[in-house]
C-alpha cells in the first residue's frame, strides 16, 4: 500500500495557520527579498496586513509540494 507522503505538512507541523514573512523566511531558509519576490510574482499568495503580509500555511504547503498555491 502506498502512503501519501506530504513533506510540506511535516515541515510546518508546529507553525500557526497564518504566517508572517519572517516565518516564511525561517521555514524556507531564504532572505526577506526572496520572500517578497515570491509574493510579488504571484508564486506565493499573501494578504497585505498593515505594513507586512500574511501567508496561509496551506498556501505554503501547496507551494512546497510543487503544486500551485490556492
PDB file of N, CA and C in Angstrom:
ATOM      1  N   UNK A   1       0.840  -1.180   0.000  1.00  0.00           N
ATOM      2  CA  UNK A   1       0.000   0.000   0.000  1.00  0.00           C
ATOM      3  C   UNK A   1       0.887   1.247   0.000  1.00  0.00           C
ATOM      4  N   UNK A   2       0.563   2.189  -0.825  1.00  0.00           N
ATOM      5  CA  UNK A   2       1.341   3.419  -0.936  1.00  0.00           C
ATOM      6  C   UNK A   2       0.813   4.466   0.035  1.00  0.00           C
ATOM      7  N   UNK A   3       1.723   5.069   0.794  1.00  0.00           N
ATOM      8  CA  UNK A   3       1.325   6.100   1.741  1.00  0.00           C
ATOM      9  C   UNK A   3       1.397   7.463   1.081  1.00  0.00           C
ATOM     10  N   UNK A   4       0.512   8.344   1.500  1.00  0.00           N
ATOM     11  CA  UNK A   4       0.509   9.709   0.998  1.00  0.00           C
ATOM     12  C   UNK A   4       1.536  10.510   1.787  1.00  0.00           C
ATOM     13  N   UNK A   5       2.685  10.753   1.195  1.00  0.00           N
ATOM     14  CA  UNK A   5       3.769  11.472   1.858  1.00  0.00           C
ATOM     15  C   UNK A   5       3.654  12.955   1.544  1.00  0.00           C
ATOM     16  N   UNK A   6       3.518  13.773   2.577  1.00  0.00           N
ATOM     17  CA  UNK A   6       3.387  15.212   2.375  1.00  0.00           C
ATOM     18  C   UNK A   6       4.468  15.937   3.164  1.00  0.00           C
ATOM     19  N   UNK A   7       5.645  16.145   2.557  1.00  0.00           N
ATOM     20  CA  UNK A   7       6.756  16.769   3.268  1.00  0.00           C
ATOM     21  C   UNK A   7       6.448  18.177   3.739  1.00  0.00           C
ATOM     22  N   UNK A   8       5.668  18.917   2.991  1.00  0.00           N
ATOM     23  CA  UNK A   8       5.331  20.285   3.382  1.00  0.00           C
ATOM     24  C   UNK A   8       4.586  20.332   4.699  1.00  0.00           C
ATOM     25  N   UNK A   9       3.655  19.436   4.871  1.00  0.00           N
ATOM     26  CA  UNK A   9       2.873  19.400   6.109  1.00  0.00           C
ATOM     27  C   UNK A   9       3.755  19.023   7.300  1.00  0.00           C
ATOM     28  N   UNK A  10       4.693  18.121   7.094  1.00  0.00           N
ATOM     29  CA  UNK A  10       5.592  17.711   8.171  1.00  0.00           C
ATOM     30  C   UNK A  10       6.482  18.870   8.607  1.00  0.00           C
ATOM     31  N   UNK A  11       7.010  19.604   7.649  1.00  0.00           N
ATOM     32  CA  UNK A  11       7.901  20.729   7.941  1.00  0.00           C
ATOM     33  C   UNK A  11       7.174  21.812   8.725  1.00  0.00           C
ATOM     34  N   UNK A  12       5.901  22.018   8.428  1.00  0.00           N
ATOM     35  CA  UNK A  12       5.141  23.114   9.028  1.00  0.00           C
ATOM     36  C   UNK A  12       4.263  22.694  10.200  1.00  0.00           C
ATOM     37  N   UNK A  13       4.466  21.513  10.732  1.00  0.00           N
ATOM     38  CA  UNK A  13       3.585  20.977  11.772  1.00  0.00           C
ATOM     39  C   UNK A  13       3.434  21.900  12.983  1.00  0.00           C
ATOM     40  N   UNK A  14       4.474  22.544  13.438  1.00  0.00           N
ATOM     41  CA  UNK A  14       4.396  23.367  14.640  1.00  0.00           C
ATOM     42  C   UNK A  14       4.117  24.839  14.401  1.00  0.00           C
ATOM     43  N   UNK A  15       3.889  25.222  13.177  1.00  0.00           N
ATOM     44  CA  UNK A  15       3.689  26.636  12.837  1.00  0.00           C
ATOM     45  C   UNK A  15       2.208  26.997  12.863  1.00  0.00           C
ATOM     46  N   UNK A  16       1.890  28.292  13.107  1.00  0.00           N
ATOM     47  CA  UNK A  16       0.481  28.722  13.100  1.00  0.00           C
ATOM     48  C   UNK A  16      -0.123  28.655  11.699  1.00  0.00           C
ATOM     49  N   UNK A  17      -1.437  28.734  11.615  1.00  0.00           N
ATOM     50  CA  UNK A  17      -2.144  28.646  10.331  1.00  0.00           C
ATOM     51  C   UNK A  17      -1.895  29.859   9.440  1.00  0.00           C
ATOM     52  N   UNK A  18      -1.599  31.005  10.045  1.00  0.00           N
ATOM     53  CA  UNK A  18      -1.304  32.225   9.289  1.00  0.00           C
ATOM     54  C   UNK A  18       0.122  32.642   9.630  1.00  0.00           C
ATOM     55  N   UNK A  19       0.948  32.763   8.603  1.00  0.00           N
ATOM     56  CA  UNK A  19       2.373  33.039   8.786  1.00  0.00           C
ATOM     57  C   UNK A  19       2.719  34.469   8.398  1.00  0.00           C
ATOM     58  N   UNK A  20       3.741  34.997   9.026  1.00  0.00           N
ATOM     59  CA  UNK A  20       4.305  36.294   8.647  1.00  0.00           C
ATOM     60  C   UNK A  20       5.458  36.042   7.688  1.00  0.00           C
ATOM     61  N   UNK A  21       5.899  37.083   7.019  1.00  0.00           N
ATOM     62  CA  UNK A  21       7.003  36.911   6.070  1.00  0.00           C
ATOM     63  C   UNK A  21       8.261  36.412   6.778  1.00  0.00           C
ATOM     64  N   UNK A  22       8.493  36.842   8.001  1.00  0.00           N
ATOM     65  CA  UNK A  22       9.648  36.366   8.760  1.00  0.00           C
ATOM     66  C   UNK A  22       9.584  34.871   9.035  1.00  0.00           C
ATOM     67  N   UNK A  23       8.380  34.380   9.278  1.00  0.00           N
ATOM     68  CA  UNK A  23       8.188  32.937   9.474  1.00  0.00           C
ATOM     69  C   UNK A  23       8.560  32.182   8.203  1.00  0.00           C
ATOM     70  N   UNK A  24       8.079  32.697   7.063  1.00  0.00           N
ATOM     71  CA  UNK A  24       8.354  32.051   5.776  1.00  0.00           C
ATOM     72  C   UNK A  24       9.853  32.070   5.492  1.00  0.00           C
ATOM     73  N   UNK A  25      10.528  33.160   5.825  1.00  0.00           N
ATOM     74  CA  UNK A  25      11.985  33.237   5.666  1.00  0.00           C
ATOM     75  C   UNK A  25      12.658  32.117   6.442  1.00  0.00           C
ATOM     76  N   UNK A  26      12.253  31.957   7.693  1.00  0.00           N
ATOM     77  CA  UNK A  26      12.858  30.936   8.552  1.00  0.00           C
ATOM     78  C   UNK A  26      12.575  29.528   8.033  1.00  0.00           C
ATOM     79  N   UNK A  27      11.355  29.280   7.608  1.00  0.00           N
ATOM     80  CA  UNK A  27      10.964  27.960   7.116  1.00  0.00           C
ATOM     81  C   UNK A  27      11.733  27.598   5.856  1.00  0.00           C
ATOM     82  N   UNK A  28      11.817  28.559   4.918  1.00  0.00           N
ATOM     83  CA  UNK A  28      12.467  28.294   3.632  1.00  0.00           C
ATOM     84  C   UNK A  28      13.975  28.484   3.659  1.00  0.00           C
ATOM     85  N   UNK A  29      14.483  29.191   4.662  1.00  0.00           N
ATOM     86  CA  UNK A  29      15.916  29.456   4.731  1.00  0.00           C
ATOM     87  C   UNK A  29      16.375  30.449   3.679  1.00  0.00           C
ATOM     88  N   UNK A  30      15.518  31.428   3.392  1.00  0.00           N
ATOM     89  CA  UNK A  30      15.840  32.450   2.395  1.00  0.00           C
ATOM     90  C   UNK A  30      15.740  33.828   3.037  1.00  0.00           C
ATOM     91  N   UNK A  31      16.182  34.827   2.313  1.00  0.00           N
ATOM     92  CA  UNK A  31      16.134  36.193   2.810  1.00  0.00           C
ATOM     93  C   UNK A  31      14.793  36.867   2.568  1.00  0.00           C
ATOM     94  N   UNK A  32      14.666  38.046   3.149  1.00  0.00           N
ATOM     95  CA  UNK A  32      13.437  38.828   3.037  1.00  0.00           C
ATOM     96  C   UNK A  32      13.096  39.147   1.594  1.00  0.00           C
ATOM     97  N   UNK A  33      14.104  39.534   0.819  1.00  0.00           N
ATOM     98  CA  UNK A  33      13.869  39.896  -0.582  1.00  0.00           C
ATOM     99  C   UNK A  33      13.299  38.731  -1.381  1.00  0.00           C
ATOM    100  N   UNK A  34      13.758  37.526  -1.104  1.00  0.00           N
ATOM    101  CA  UNK A  34      13.260  36.352  -1.829  1.00  0.00           C
ATOM    102  C   UNK A  34      11.792  36.091  -1.505  1.00  0.00           C
ATOM    103  N   UNK A  35      11.407  36.232  -0.247  1.00  0.00           N
ATOM    104  CA  UNK A  35      10.004  36.034   0.130  1.00  0.00           C
ATOM    105  C   UNK A  35       9.135  37.075  -0.563  1.00  0.00           C
ATOM    106  N   UNK A  36       9.575  38.329  -0.551  1.00  0.00           N
ATOM    107  CA  UNK A  36       8.803  39.390  -1.205  1.00  0.00           C
ATOM    108  C   UNK A  36       8.763  39.188  -2.719  1.00  0.00           C
ATOM    109  N   UNK A  37       9.803  38.628  -3.297  1.00  0.00           N
ATOM    110  CA  UNK A  37       9.807  38.340  -4.738  1.00  0.00           C
ATOM    111  C   UNK A  37       8.773  37.264  -5.061  1.00  0.00           C
ATOM    112  N   UNK A  38       8.706  36.226  -4.239  1.00  0.00           N
ATOM    113  CA  UNK A  38       7.709  35.169  -4.431  1.00  0.00           C
ATOM    114  C   UNK A  38       6.287  35.731  -4.354  1.00  0.00           C
ATOM    115  N   UNK A  39       6.079  36.652  -3.420  1.00  0.00           N
ATOM    116  CA  UNK A  39       4.763  37.282  -3.279  1.00  0.00           C
ATOM    117  C   UNK A  39       4.472  38.174  -4.482  1.00  0.00           C
ATOM    118  N   UNK A  40       5.436  38.998  -4.871  1.00  0.00           N
ATOM    119  CA  UNK A  40       5.245  39.927  -5.992  1.00  0.00           C
ATOM    120  C   UNK A  40       4.988  39.193  -7.305  1.00  0.00           C
ATOM    121  N   UNK A  41       5.640  38.051  -7.501  1.00  0.00           N
ATOM    122  CA  UNK A  41       5.464  37.273  -8.733  1.00  0.00           C
ATOM    123  C   UNK A  41       4.185  36.443  -8.731  1.00  0.00           C
ATOM    124  N   UNK A  42       3.489  36.426  -7.611  1.00  0.00           N
ATOM    125  CA  UNK A  42       2.257  35.654  -7.524  1.00  0.00           C
ATOM    126  C   UNK A  42       2.475  34.178  -7.250  1.00  0.00           C
ATOM    127  N   UNK A  43       3.717  33.779  -7.034  1.00  0.00           N
ATOM    128  CA  UNK A  43       4.009  32.375  -6.749  1.00  0.00           C
ATOM    129  C   UNK A  43       3.480  31.970  -5.375  1.00  0.00           C
ATOM    130  N   UNK A  44       3.505  32.911  -4.449  1.00  0.00           N
ATOM    131  CA  UNK A  44       3.056  32.656  -3.087  1.00  0.00           C
ATOM    132  C   UNK A  44       1.986  33.684  -2.729  1.00  0.00           C
ATOM    133  N   UNK A  45       0.729  33.269  -2.663  1.00  0.00           N
ATOM    134  CA  UNK A  45      -0.345  34.210  -2.351  1.00  0.00           C
ATOM    135  C   UNK A  45      -0.203  34.755  -0.937  1.00  0.00           C
ATOM    136  N   UNK A  46      -0.419  36.040  -0.795  1.00  0.00           N
ATOM    137  CA  UNK A  46      -0.322  36.686   0.507  1.00  0.00           C
ATOM    138  C   UNK A  46      -1.345  37.808   0.579  1.00  0.00           C
ATOM    139  N   UNK A  47      -1.691  38.170   1.800  1.00  0.00           N
ATOM    140  CA  UNK A  47      -2.631  39.251   2.039  1.00  0.00           C
ATOM    141  C   UNK A  47      -1.889  40.361   2.765  1.00  0.00           C
ATOM    142  N   UNK A  48      -2.089  41.581   2.302  1.00  0.00           N
ATOM    143  CA  UNK A  48      -1.462  42.733   2.946  1.00  0.00           C
ATOM    144  C   UNK A  48      -2.118  42.937   4.302  1.00  0.00           C
ATOM    145  N   UNK A  49      -1.309  43.076   5.343  1.00  0.00           N
ATOM    146  CA  UNK A  49      -1.799  43.316   6.698  1.00  0.00           C
ATOM    147  C   UNK A  49      -0.949  44.418   7.315  1.00  0.00           C
ATOM    148  N   UNK A  50      -1.466  45.632   7.289  1.00  0.00           N
ATOM    149  CA  UNK A  50      -0.686  46.762   7.783  1.00  0.00           C
ATOM    150  C   UNK A  50       0.504  46.998   6.885  1.00  0.00           C
ATOM    151  N   UNK A  51       1.693  46.973   7.468  1.00  0.00           N
ATOM    152  CA  UNK A  51       2.913  47.196   6.694  1.00  0.00           C
ATOM    153  C   UNK A  51       3.529  45.902   6.179  1.00  0.00           C
ATOM    154  N   UNK A  52       2.948  44.777   6.529  1.00  0.00           N
ATOM    155  CA  UNK A  52       3.511  43.496   6.118  1.00  0.00           C
ATOM    156  C   UNK A  52       2.518  42.643   5.364  1.00  0.00           C
ATOM    157  N   UNK A  53       2.851  41.368   5.244  1.00  0.00           N
ATOM    158  CA  UNK A  53       1.999  40.403   4.559  1.00  0.00           C
ATOM    159  C   UNK A  53       1.738  39.227   5.474  1.00  0.00           C
ATOM    160  N   UNK A  54       0.643  38.534   5.213  1.00  0.00           N
ATOM    161  CA  UNK A  54       0.338  37.282   5.901  1.00  0.00           C
ATOM    162  C   UNK A  54       0.135  36.213   4.837  1.00  0.00           C
ATOM    163  N   UNK A  55       0.658  35.036   5.110  1.00  0.00           N
ATOM    164  CA  UNK A  55       0.597  33.918   4.175  1.00  0.00           C
ATOM    165  C   UNK A  55      -0.091  32.754   4.884  1.00  0.00           C
ATOM    166  N   UNK A  56      -1.074  32.165   4.234  1.00  0.00           N
ATOM    167  CA  UNK A  56      -1.726  30.992   4.818  1.00  0.00           C
ATOM    168  C   UNK A  56      -0.775  29.801   4.770  1.00  0.00           C
ATOM    169  N   UNK A  57      -0.723  29.067   5.863  1.00  0.00           N
ATOM    170  CA  UNK A  57       0.132  27.886   5.914  1.00  0.00           C
ATOM    171  C   UNK A  57      -0.244  26.905   4.809  1.00  0.00           C
ATOM    172  N   UNK A  58      -1.527  26.770   4.523  1.00  0.00           N
ATOM    173  CA  UNK A  58      -1.981  25.860   3.465  1.00  0.00           C
ATOM    174  C   UNK A  58      -1.401  26.253   2.109  1.00  0.00           C
ATOM    175  N   UNK A  59      -1.286  27.552   1.846  1.00  0.00           N
ATOM    176  CA  UNK A  59      -0.717  28.021   0.575  1.00  0.00           C
ATOM    177  C   UNK A  59       0.763  27.677   0.497  1.00  0.00           C
ATOM    178  N   UNK A  60       1.469  27.826   1.603  1.00  0.00           N
ATOM    179  CA  UNK A  60       2.893  27.498   1.620  1.00  0.00           C
ATOM    180  C   UNK A  60       3.101  25.993   1.464  1.00  0.00           C
ATOM    181  N   UNK A  61       2.267  25.193   2.113  1.00  0.00           N
ATOM    182  CA  UNK A  61       2.353  23.734   1.972  1.00  0.00           C
ATOM    183  C   UNK A  61       2.158  23.346   0.513  1.00  0.00           C
ATOM    184  N   UNK A  62       1.142  23.911  -0.119  1.00  0.00           N
ATOM    185  CA  UNK A  62       0.865  23.609  -1.528  1.00  0.00           C
ATOM    186  C   UNK A  62       2.069  23.972  -2.395  1.00  0.00           C
ATOM    187  N   UNK A  63       2.659  25.114  -2.130  1.00  0.00           N
ATOM    188  CA  UNK A  63       3.824  25.565  -2.898  1.00  0.00           C
ATOM    189  C   UNK A  63       5.013  24.626  -2.662  1.00  0.00           C
ATOM    190  N   UNK A  64       5.231  24.230  -1.418  1.00  0.00           N
ATOM    191  CA  UNK A  64       6.332  23.321  -1.092  1.00  0.00           C
ATOM    192  C   UNK A  64       6.167  21.959  -1.758  1.00  0.00           C
ATOM    193  N   UNK A  65       4.933  21.527  -1.916  1.00  0.00           N
ATOM    194  CA  UNK A  65       4.663  20.225  -2.517  1.00  0.00           C
ATOM    195  C   UNK A  65       4.675  20.272  -4.037  1.00  0.00           C
ATOM    196  N   UNK A  66       5.001  21.427  -4.588  1.00  0.00           N
ATOM    197  CA  UNK A  66       5.177  21.531  -6.028  1.00  0.00           C
ATOM    198  C   UNK A  66       3.946  21.897  -6.824  1.00  0.00           C
ATOM    199  N   UNK A  67       2.840  22.080  -6.142  1.00  0.00           N
ATOM    200  CA  UNK A  67       1.629  22.493  -6.835  1.00  0.00           C
ATOM    201  C   UNK A  67       1.490  23.995  -6.800  1.00  0.00           C
ATOM    202  N   UNK A  68       0.450  24.476  -7.402  1.00  0.00           N
ATOM    203  CA  UNK A  68       0.179  25.906  -7.343  1.00  0.00           C
ATOM    204  C   UNK A  68      -0.544  26.203  -6.049  1.00  0.00           C
ATOM    205  N   UNK A  69      -0.177  27.297  -5.432  1.00  0.00           N
ATOM    206  CA  UNK A  69      -0.843  27.702  -4.205  1.00  0.00           C
ATOM    207  C   UNK A  69      -2.243  28.211  -4.533  1.00  0.00           C
ATOM    208  N   UNK A  70      -3.186  28.041  -3.596  1.00  0.00           N
ATOM    209  CA  UNK A  70      -4.564  28.480  -3.863  1.00  0.00           C
ATOM    210  C   UNK A  70      -4.680  29.973  -4.021  1.00  0.00           C
TER     211      UNK A  70
END
